[in-house]
Amino acid sequence: MEIQDEKMIEIFYTLENIQRVDKAIAFHTNQENADKFAIWQYQQIKNNFIMQLTTLLGGLGIPLQTPPLADYQQAA
């Protein structure tokens, strides 16, 4: 049971990290001279956290289906 609790903590921590990265992306996107490279870097970090979350939830038998991971270059 303890392992489950550790996984829950890691899931929560990963969700918090995704939220922080989203705020950083929004901050850089809303700048007058948006730093596209910084936005791209943050998007890559977010993608890594999403992959980590998918793995963590899958380990608990909770499949997570996500759309293709975002690539800022495609959105620009």
Protein backbone atom coordinates (compact mmCIF):
# COMPACT_ATOMS: atom_id res chain seq x y z
CA MET A 1 0.00 0.00 0.00
CA GLU A 2 2.86 2.39 0.71
CA ILE A 3 4.01 2.16 -2.91
CA GLN A 4 0.59 3.35 -4.04
CA ASP A 5 0.87 6.36 -1.74
CA GLU A 6 4.29 7.23 -3.16
CA LYS A 7 2.88 7.01 -6.67
CA MET A 8 0.01 9.29 -5.73
CA ILE A 9 2.46 11.86 -4.40
CA GLU A 10 4.50 11.63 -7.59
CA ILE A 11 1.35 12.05 -9.71
CA PHE A 12 0.37 15.15 -7.73
CA TYR A 13 3.90 16.55 -8.01
CA THR A 14 3.88 15.96 -11.77
CA LEU A 15 0.52 17.74 -12.11
CA GLU A 16 1.91 20.70 -10.16
CA ASN A 17 4.91 20.83 -12.48
CA ILE A 18 2.65 20.84 -15.55
CA GLN A 19 0.70 23.73 -14.03
CA ARG A 20 3.90 25.70 -13.36
CA VAL A 21 5.15 25.14 -16.90
CA ASP A 22 1.77 26.22 -18.30
CA LYS A 23 2.12 29.49 -16.39
CA ALA A 24 5.62 30.00 -17.78
CA ILE A 25 4.39 29.34 -21.32
CA ALA A 26 1.54 31.82 -20.86
CA PHE A 27 3.92 34.42 -19.46
CA HIS A 28 6.32 34.16 -22.40
CA THR A 29 3.51 33.96 -24.95
CA ASN A 30 1.90 37.16 -23.67
CA GLN A 31 5.09 39.21 -23.90
CA GLU A 32 5.20 41.89 -26.58
CA ASN A 33 8.28 40.25 -28.08
CA ALA A 34 7.53 36.61 -27.31
CA ASP A 35 10.64 34.49 -26.91
CA LYS A 36 9.73 31.61 -29.22
CA PHE A 37 12.74 29.55 -28.20
CA ALA A 38 11.84 29.82 -24.49
CA ILE A 39 8.26 28.87 -25.29
CA TRP A 40 9.49 25.87 -27.28
CA GLN A 41 11.75 24.80 -24.40
CA TYR A 42 8.91 25.04 -21.89
CA GLN A 43 6.65 23.08 -24.23
CA GLN A 44 9.26 20.31 -24.41
CA ILE A 45 9.44 20.25 -20.61
CA LYS A 46 5.64 20.04 -20.45
CA ASN A 47 5.65 17.19 -22.96
CA ASN A 48 8.13 15.31 -20.77
CA PHE A 49 5.90 15.80 -17.72
CA ILE A 50 2.87 14.59 -19.70
CA MET A 51 4.75 11.46 -20.74
CA GLN A 52 5.77 10.92 -17.10
CA LEU A 53 2.15 11.35 -15.95
CA THR A 54 0.96 8.89 -18.59
CA THR A 55 3.48 6.32 -17.35
CA LEU A 56 2.56 6.87 -13.69
CA LEU A 57 -1.17 6.54 -14.31
CA GLY A 58 -0.62 3.52 -16.56
CA GLY A 59 1.22 1.85 -13.69
CA LEU A 60 -1.94 2.18 -11.64
CA GLY A 61 -4.08 0.70 -14.39
CA ILE A 62 -5.45 4.09 -15.45
CA PRO A 63 -4.88 4.56 -19.17
CA LEU A 64 -4.38 8.19 -20.18
CA GLN A 65 -4.97 9.05 -23.79
CA THR A 66 -3.50 12.34 -24.86
CA PRO A 67 -3.59 14.08 -28.19
CA PRO A 68 -0.25 14.22 -29.98
CA LEU A 69 2.19 16.16 -27.84
CA ALA A 70 2.34 19.83 -28.74
CA ASP A 71 5.18 21.12 -30.81
CA TYR A 72 5.42 24.90 -30.63
CA GLN A 73 7.11 25.00 -34.03
CA GLN A 74 3.90 23.68 -35.61
CA ALA A 75 1.75 26.23 -33.81
CA ALA A 76 3.96 29.21 -34.73
